[in-house]
Amino acid sequence: KEVTLLGQNIDAYGRDMVPKRTFAQLLEFLNANIPKKMRLRYVTSHPRYFSDRVIDAVANLDKVCECFHVPFQAGDDEVLRQMRRGYTFDSYMRIIDKIRAKSPDSAICGDVIVGFPGETEEAFQKTLEIMENVKFDNLNTFAYSPRPNTEAALFENQIPEDVKADRLQRVQALATKHGLERSQRYLDRTVEVLVEDANPRNPQNQVMGR
């Protein structure tokens, strides 16, 4: 079985407790107390609150899946500032470098938004640069759409829909390419998987899992 711990900013766990706790401590506690054949997964980490202790926990705890979901949303520092994300291109890449150093076989997943107001072609190229540097195992891709009662919806420099569609197609194509490349590392390896169901396209001979 697999349990997924879900939070929009799961790394903030425990900050309101007395005494304070950390998300890494929660992972350590659960790893020590859940059944042997159960594993843990979590989403989502906010780069601004991400800690080295979480990397250590994922790298060292045997029941925690070696997977990091760290959304970056955009590669350009000015776009990130307008989004109020609280980090930069360089600080995000430092997180990735630490993950690769301590847990090199871990999957790295992310989220990206293209076409945020004010995103120039040059700014968009920074998004592609992050993707080339990281080579995400899986990337959730979105085109920006205005939301009622948000500041960004009132910005004057909205991006035309055709430009957003083009950029979305480009990031999706690159994300697919990287995902396939990353999957190649499992060739000729034996790993433990969680079987979830029969493949509806070939239920007699194939199963689906992760």
C-alpha atoms as a PDB file:
ATOM      1  CA  LYS A   1       0.000   0.000   0.000  1.00  0.00           C
ATOM      2  CA  GLU A   2       1.008   3.594  -0.496  1.00  0.00           C
ATOM      3  CA  VAL A   3      -0.013   6.628   1.556  1.00  0.00           C
ATOM      4  CA  THR A   4       0.264  10.110   0.057  1.00  0.00           C
ATOM      5  CA  LEU A   5       0.683  13.083   2.378  1.00  0.00           C
ATOM      6  CA  LEU A   6      -0.918  16.052   0.645  1.00  0.00           C
ATOM      7  CA  GLY A   7      -0.445  19.750   1.236  1.00  0.00           C
ATOM      8  CA  GLN A   8      -0.130  22.880  -0.867  1.00  0.00           C
ATOM      9  CA  ASN A   9       2.963  23.715   1.179  1.00  0.00           C
ATOM     10  CA  ILE A  10       3.654  20.536   3.065  1.00  0.00           C
ATOM     11  CA  ASP A  11       7.068  21.718   4.273  1.00  0.00           C
ATOM     12  CA  ALA A  12       5.290  24.210   6.547  1.00  0.00           C
ATOM     13  CA  TYR A  13       3.981  21.312   8.652  1.00  0.00           C
ATOM     14  CA  GLY A  14       4.512  21.840  12.365  1.00  0.00           C
ATOM     15  CA  ARG A  15       5.347  25.547  12.316  1.00  0.00           C
ATOM     16  CA  ASP A  16       2.206  26.331  14.320  1.00  0.00           C
ATOM     17  CA  MET A  17       2.803  23.595  16.917  1.00  0.00           C
ATOM     18  CA  VAL A  18       4.171  24.113  20.412  1.00  0.00           C
ATOM     19  CA  PRO A  19       6.918  23.060  20.467  1.00  0.00           C
ATOM     20  CA  LYS A  20       7.503  23.418  16.745  1.00  0.00           C
ATOM     21  CA  ARG A  21       7.861  20.328  14.598  1.00  0.00           C
ATOM     22  CA  THR A  22       9.234  19.815  11.103  1.00  0.00           C
ATOM     23  CA  PHE A  23       7.961  17.867   8.139  1.00  0.00           C
ATOM     24  CA  ALA A  24      11.150  15.801   8.186  1.00  0.00           C
ATOM     25  CA  GLN A  25      10.318  14.743  11.752  1.00  0.00           C
ATOM     26  CA  LEU A  26       6.871  13.633  10.594  1.00  0.00           C
ATOM     27  CA  LEU A  27       8.427  11.515   7.845  1.00  0.00           C
ATOM     28  CA  GLU A  28      10.839   9.974  10.351  1.00  0.00           C
ATOM     29  CA  PHE A  29       8.004   9.169  12.770  1.00  0.00           C
ATOM     30  CA  LEU A  30       5.791   7.604  10.111  1.00  0.00           C
ATOM     31  CA  ASN A  31       8.664   5.635   8.608  1.00  0.00           C
ATOM     32  CA  ALA A  32       9.319   4.068  12.011  1.00  0.00           C
ATOM     33  CA  ASN A  33       5.681   3.239  12.738  1.00  0.00           C
ATOM     34  CA  ILE A  34       3.917   2.150   9.545  1.00  0.00           C
ATOM     35  CA  PRO A  35       3.823  -1.510   8.408  1.00  0.00           C
ATOM     36  CA  LYS A  36       6.824  -2.902   6.583  1.00  0.00           C
ATOM     37  CA  LYS A  37       5.088  -3.246   3.204  1.00  0.00           C
ATOM     38  CA  MET A  38       3.638   0.253   3.220  1.00  0.00           C
ATOM     39  CA  ARG A  39       5.351   3.220   1.604  1.00  0.00           C
ATOM     40  CA  LEU A  40       4.990   6.984   1.853  1.00  0.00           C
ATOM     41  CA  ARG A  41       4.819   9.665  -0.807  1.00  0.00           C
ATOM     42  CA  TYR A  42       4.169  13.380  -0.379  1.00  0.00           C
ATOM     43  CA  VAL A  43       3.269  16.495  -2.349  1.00  0.00           C
ATOM     44  CA  THR A  44       3.846  19.423  -2.653  1.00  0.00           C
ATOM     45  CA  SER A  45       7.035  21.214  -1.556  1.00  0.00           C
ATOM     46  CA  HIS A  46       7.281  24.999  -1.878  1.00  0.00           C
ATOM     47  CA  PRO A  47      10.856  26.004  -2.792  1.00  0.00           C
ATOM     48  CA  ARG A  48      10.778  28.867  -0.298  1.00  0.00           C
ATOM     49  CA  TYR A  49      10.296  26.486   2.640  1.00  0.00           C
ATOM     50  CA  PHE A  50      12.171  23.451   1.356  1.00  0.00           C
ATOM     51  CA  SER A  51      14.753  22.102   3.806  1.00  0.00           C
ATOM     52  CA  ASP A  52      17.863  19.950   3.621  1.00  0.00           C
ATOM     53  CA  ARG A  53      16.359  17.701   6.309  1.00  0.00           C
ATOM     54  CA  VAL A  54      13.622  16.642   3.895  1.00  0.00           C
ATOM     55  CA  ILE A  55      16.261  15.647   1.339  1.00  0.00           C
ATOM     56  CA  ASP A  56      18.039  13.619   4.026  1.00  0.00           C
ATOM     57  CA  ALA A  57      14.770  11.955   5.045  1.00  0.00           C
ATOM     58  CA  VAL A  58      13.900  10.912   1.502  1.00  0.00           C
ATOM     59  CA  ALA A  59      17.446   9.691   0.889  1.00  0.00           C
ATOM     60  CA  ASN A  60      17.705   7.667   4.103  1.00  0.00           C
ATOM     61  CA  LEU A  61      14.226   6.453   5.093  1.00  0.00           C
ATOM     62  CA  ASP A  62      13.427   3.096   3.531  1.00  0.00           C
ATOM     63  CA  LYS A  63       9.637   3.536   3.324  1.00  0.00           C
ATOM     64  CA  VAL A  64       9.641   7.033   1.822  1.00  0.00           C
ATOM     65  CA  CYS A  65       9.473   7.109  -1.979  1.00  0.00           C
ATOM     66  CA  GLU A  66      12.497   8.671  -3.623  1.00  0.00           C
ATOM     67  CA  CYS A  67      10.494  11.408  -5.265  1.00  0.00           C
ATOM     68  CA  PHE A  68      10.531  15.183  -4.884  1.00  0.00           C
ATOM     69  CA  HIS A  69       7.686  17.349  -6.190  1.00  0.00           C
ATOM     70  CA  VAL A  70       9.074  20.884  -6.239  1.00  0.00           C
ATOM     71  CA  PRO A  71       7.072  23.276  -8.459  1.00  0.00           C
ATOM     72  CA  PHE A  72       9.093  26.059 -10.072  1.00  0.00           C
ATOM     73  CA  GLN A  73       6.249  27.742 -12.048  1.00  0.00           C
ATOM     74  CA  ALA A  74       8.570  29.977 -14.112  1.00  0.00           C
ATOM     75  CA  GLY A  75      12.260  30.408 -14.808  1.00  0.00           C
ATOM     76  CA  ASP A  76      12.517  34.176 -15.009  1.00  0.00           C
ATOM     77  CA  ASP A  77      13.234  36.073 -11.789  1.00  0.00           C
ATOM     78  CA  GLU A  78      10.979  39.017 -12.650  1.00  0.00           C
ATOM     79  CA  VAL A  79       8.062  36.727 -13.461  1.00  0.00           C
ATOM     80  CA  LEU A  80       8.659  34.871 -10.191  1.00  0.00           C
ATOM     81  CA  ARG A  81       8.680  38.199  -8.356  1.00  0.00           C
ATOM     82  CA  GLN A  82       5.362  39.187  -9.941  1.00  0.00           C
ATOM     83  CA  MET A  83       3.983  35.800  -8.903  1.00  0.00           C
ATOM     84  CA  ARG A  84       5.288  36.471  -5.369  1.00  0.00           C
ATOM     85  CA  ARG A  85       6.891  33.050  -5.254  1.00  0.00           C
ATOM     86  CA  GLY A  86       9.683  34.111  -2.923  1.00  0.00           C
ATOM     87  CA  TYR A  87      12.623  32.465  -4.698  1.00  0.00           C
ATOM     88  CA  THR A  88      14.791  32.911  -7.806  1.00  0.00           C
ATOM     89  CA  PHE A  89      16.126  30.819 -10.669  1.00  0.00           C
ATOM     90  CA  ASP A  90      19.419  30.369  -8.827  1.00  0.00           C
ATOM     91  CA  SER A  91      17.901  29.463  -5.459  1.00  0.00           C
ATOM     92  CA  TYR A  92      15.661  26.880  -7.126  1.00  0.00           C
ATOM     93  CA  MET A  93      18.613  25.315  -8.912  1.00  0.00           C
ATOM     94  CA  ARG A  94      20.518  25.109  -5.613  1.00  0.00           C
ATOM     95  CA  ILE A  95      17.690  22.939  -4.267  1.00  0.00           C
ATOM     96  CA  ILE A  96      17.905  20.663  -7.295  1.00  0.00           C
ATOM     97  CA  ASP A  97      21.684  20.416  -6.980  1.00  0.00           C
ATOM     98  CA  LYS A  98      21.347  19.341  -3.334  1.00  0.00           C
ATOM     99  CA  ILE A  99      18.771  16.696  -4.245  1.00  0.00           C
ATOM    100  CA  ARG A 100      20.967  15.299  -7.014  1.00  0.00           C
ATOM    101  CA  ALA A 101      23.993  15.240  -4.688  1.00  0.00           C
ATOM    102  CA  LYS A 102      22.267  13.443  -1.789  1.00  0.00           C
ATOM    103  CA  SER A 103      19.707  11.320  -3.626  1.00  0.00           C
ATOM    104  CA  PRO A 104      20.868  11.007  -7.242  1.00  0.00           C
ATOM    105  CA  ASP A 105      18.354   8.355  -8.300  1.00  0.00           C
ATOM    106  CA  SER A 106      15.322  10.226  -6.972  1.00  0.00           C
ATOM    107  CA  ALA A 107      12.577  11.336  -9.318  1.00  0.00           C
ATOM    108  CA  ILE A 108      12.083  15.089  -9.506  1.00  0.00           C
ATOM    109  CA  CYS A 109       8.673  16.398 -10.518  1.00  0.00           C
ATOM    110  CA  GLY A 110       7.424  19.943 -10.889  1.00  0.00           C
ATOM    111  CA  ASP A 111       4.759  22.365 -12.069  1.00  0.00           C
ATOM    112  CA  VAL A 112       5.094  25.204 -14.564  1.00  0.00           C
ATOM    113  CA  ILE A 113       2.819  28.018 -15.712  1.00  0.00           C
ATOM    114  CA  VAL A 114       3.417  29.680 -19.080  1.00  0.00           C
ATOM    115  CA  GLY A 115       1.988  32.981 -20.239  1.00  0.00           C
ATOM    116  CA  PHE A 116       1.863  34.781 -16.902  1.00  0.00           C
ATOM    117  CA  PRO A 117       1.280  38.510 -17.514  1.00  0.00           C
ATOM    118  CA  GLY A 118       4.495  40.190 -18.610  1.00  0.00           C
ATOM    119  CA  GLU A 119       6.259  36.985 -19.646  1.00  0.00           C
ATOM    120  CA  THR A 120       8.390  37.918 -22.654  1.00  0.00           C
ATOM    121  CA  GLU A 121       9.932  35.398 -25.026  1.00  0.00           C
ATOM    122  CA  GLU A 122      13.248  36.002 -23.274  1.00  0.00           C
ATOM    123  CA  ALA A 123      11.624  35.268 -19.916  1.00  0.00           C
ATOM    124  CA  PHE A 124      10.033  32.127 -21.335  1.00  0.00           C
ATOM    125  CA  GLN A 125      13.455  30.926 -22.460  1.00  0.00           C
ATOM    126  CA  LYS A 126      14.490  30.898 -18.789  1.00  0.00           C
ATOM    127  CA  THR A 127      11.695  28.400 -18.152  1.00  0.00           C
ATOM    128  CA  LEU A 128      13.079  26.175 -20.902  1.00  0.00           C
ATOM    129  CA  GLU A 129      16.541  26.609 -19.378  1.00  0.00           C
ATOM    130  CA  ILE A 130      15.390  25.271 -16.010  1.00  0.00           C
ATOM    131  CA  MET A 131      13.765  22.336 -17.759  1.00  0.00           C
ATOM    132  CA  GLU A 132      16.976  21.539 -19.634  1.00  0.00           C
ATOM    133  CA  ASN A 133      19.011  21.810 -16.441  1.00  0.00           C
ATOM    134  CA  VAL A 134      16.728  19.628 -14.314  1.00  0.00           C
ATOM    135  CA  LYS A 135      15.201  17.190 -16.817  1.00  0.00           C
ATOM    136  CA  PHE A 136      12.092  16.513 -14.744  1.00  0.00           C
ATOM    137  CA  ASP A 137      10.783  12.969 -14.480  1.00  0.00           C
ATOM    138  CA  ASN A 138       7.290  14.413 -14.653  1.00  0.00           C
ATOM    139  CA  LEU A 139       6.138  17.980 -15.181  1.00  0.00           C
ATOM    140  CA  ASN A 140       2.611  19.341 -14.789  1.00  0.00           C
ATOM    141  CA  THR A 141       2.146  22.095 -17.359  1.00  0.00           C
ATOM    142  CA  PHE A 142      -0.404  24.897 -17.382  1.00  0.00           C
ATOM    143  CA  ALA A 143      -1.181  28.044 -19.342  1.00  0.00           C
ATOM    144  CA  TYR A 144      -1.994  31.053 -17.179  1.00  0.00           C
ATOM    145  CA  SER A 145      -5.645  32.057 -17.031  1.00  0.00           C
ATOM    146  CA  PRO A 146      -6.956  35.071 -15.079  1.00  0.00           C
ATOM    147  CA  ARG A 147      -8.690  34.351 -11.795  1.00  0.00           C
ATOM    148  CA  PRO A 148     -11.338  36.702 -10.376  1.00  0.00           C
ATOM    149  CA  ASN A 149     -10.248  39.002  -7.541  1.00  0.00           C
ATOM    150  CA  THR A 150      -6.531  38.467  -8.145  1.00  0.00           C
ATOM    151  CA  GLU A 151      -3.996  41.194  -8.848  1.00  0.00           C
ATOM    152  CA  ALA A 152      -2.592  39.395 -11.873  1.00  0.00           C
ATOM    153  CA  ALA A 153      -5.997  39.407 -13.565  1.00  0.00           C
ATOM    154  CA  LEU A 154      -5.828  43.214 -13.593  1.00  0.00           C
ATOM    155  CA  PHE A 155      -2.322  43.470 -15.044  1.00  0.00           C
ATOM    156  CA  GLU A 156      -2.292  45.295 -18.376  1.00  0.00           C
ATOM    157  CA  ASN A 157       0.401  43.139 -19.981  1.00  0.00           C
ATOM    158  CA  GLN A 158      -1.719  40.022 -20.503  1.00  0.00           C
ATOM    159  CA  ILE A 159      -0.289  37.459 -22.932  1.00  0.00           C
ATOM    160  CA  PRO A 160      -2.317  36.657 -26.091  1.00  0.00           C
ATOM    161  CA  GLU A 161      -3.980  33.255 -26.099  1.00  0.00           C
ATOM    162  CA  ASP A 162      -2.138  32.069 -29.207  1.00  0.00           C
ATOM    163  CA  VAL A 163       1.218  32.877 -27.595  1.00  0.00           C
ATOM    164  CA  LYS A 164       0.243  31.008 -24.435  1.00  0.00           C
ATOM    165  CA  ALA A 165      -0.871  28.013 -26.492  1.00  0.00           C
ATOM    166  CA  ASP A 166       2.420  27.974 -28.408  1.00  0.00           C
ATOM    167  CA  ARG A 167       4.505  28.155 -25.231  1.00  0.00           C
ATOM    168  CA  LEU A 168       2.431  25.445 -23.579  1.00  0.00           C
ATOM    169  CA  GLN A 169       2.990  23.149 -26.556  1.00  0.00           C
ATOM    170  CA  ARG A 170       6.728  23.792 -26.410  1.00  0.00           C
ATOM    171  CA  VAL A 171       7.062  22.989 -22.711  1.00  0.00           C
ATOM    172  CA  GLN A 172       4.886  19.895 -23.076  1.00  0.00           C
ATOM    173  CA  ALA A 173       7.030  18.587 -25.925  1.00  0.00           C
ATOM    174  CA  LEU A 174      10.224  19.174 -23.953  1.00  0.00           C
ATOM    175  CA  ALA A 175       8.734  17.662 -20.790  1.00  0.00           C
ATOM    176  CA  THR A 176       7.737  14.519 -22.705  1.00  0.00           C
ATOM    177  CA  LYS A 177      11.249  14.233 -24.149  1.00  0.00           C
ATOM    178  CA  HIS A 178      12.864  14.563 -20.730  1.00  0.00           C
ATOM    179  CA  GLY A 179      10.433  12.112 -19.125  1.00  0.00           C
ATOM    180  CA  LEU A 180      11.311   9.462 -21.685  1.00  0.00           C
ATOM    181  CA  GLU A 181      15.019  10.103 -21.226  1.00  0.00           C
ATOM    182  CA  ARG A 182      14.743   9.787 -17.459  1.00  0.00           C
ATOM    183  CA  SER A 183      12.759   6.550 -17.765  1.00  0.00           C
ATOM    184  CA  GLN A 184      15.632   4.947 -19.650  1.00  0.00           C
ATOM    185  CA  ARG A 185      17.569   4.580 -16.408  1.00  0.00           C
ATOM    186  CA  TYR A 186      15.203   1.787 -15.361  1.00  0.00           C
ATOM    187  CA  LEU A 187      16.088  -0.424 -18.321  1.00  0.00           C
ATOM    188  CA  ASP A 188      17.670  -3.725 -17.249  1.00  0.00           C
ATOM    189  CA  ARG A 189      16.992  -2.985 -13.582  1.00  0.00           C
ATOM    190  CA  THR A 190      14.876  -4.939 -11.120  1.00  0.00           C
ATOM    191  CA  VAL A 191      12.826  -2.738  -8.812  1.00  0.00           C
ATOM    192  CA  GLU A 192       9.901  -3.187  -6.437  1.00  0.00           C
ATOM    193  CA  VAL A 193       6.671  -1.693  -7.784  1.00  0.00           C
ATOM    194  CA  LEU A 194       3.141  -1.140  -6.515  1.00  0.00           C
ATOM    195  CA  VAL A 195       0.659  -2.901  -8.812  1.00  0.00           C
ATOM    196  CA  GLU A 196      -2.583  -0.919  -8.874  1.00  0.00           C
ATOM    197  CA  ASP A 197      -4.769  -2.483 -11.565  1.00  0.00           C
ATOM    198  CA  ALA A 198      -4.905  -4.454 -14.788  1.00  0.00           C
ATOM    199  CA  ASN A 199      -4.188  -2.521 -17.954  1.00  0.00           C
ATOM    200  CA  PRO A 200      -7.661  -1.957 -19.490  1.00  0.00           C
ATOM    201  CA  ARG A 201      -6.099  -2.181 -22.958  1.00  0.00           C
ATOM    202  CA  ASN A 202      -4.604  -5.610 -22.245  1.00  0.00           C
ATOM    203  CA  PRO A 203      -6.053  -6.897 -18.955  1.00  0.00           C
ATOM    204  CA  GLN A 204      -4.963 -10.501 -19.512  1.00  0.00           C
ATOM    205  CA  ASN A 205      -1.262  -9.800 -19.900  1.00  0.00           C
ATOM    206  CA  GLN A 206      -0.426  -6.378 -18.470  1.00  0.00           C
ATOM    207  CA  VAL A 207      -0.814  -4.555 -15.181  1.00  0.00           C
ATOM    208  CA  MET A 208      -0.399  -0.913 -14.213  1.00  0.00           C
ATOM    209  CA  GLY A 209       1.627   0.317 -11.289  1.00  0.00           C
ATOM    210  CA  ARG A 210       4.329   2.671 -10.100  1.00  0.00           C
END
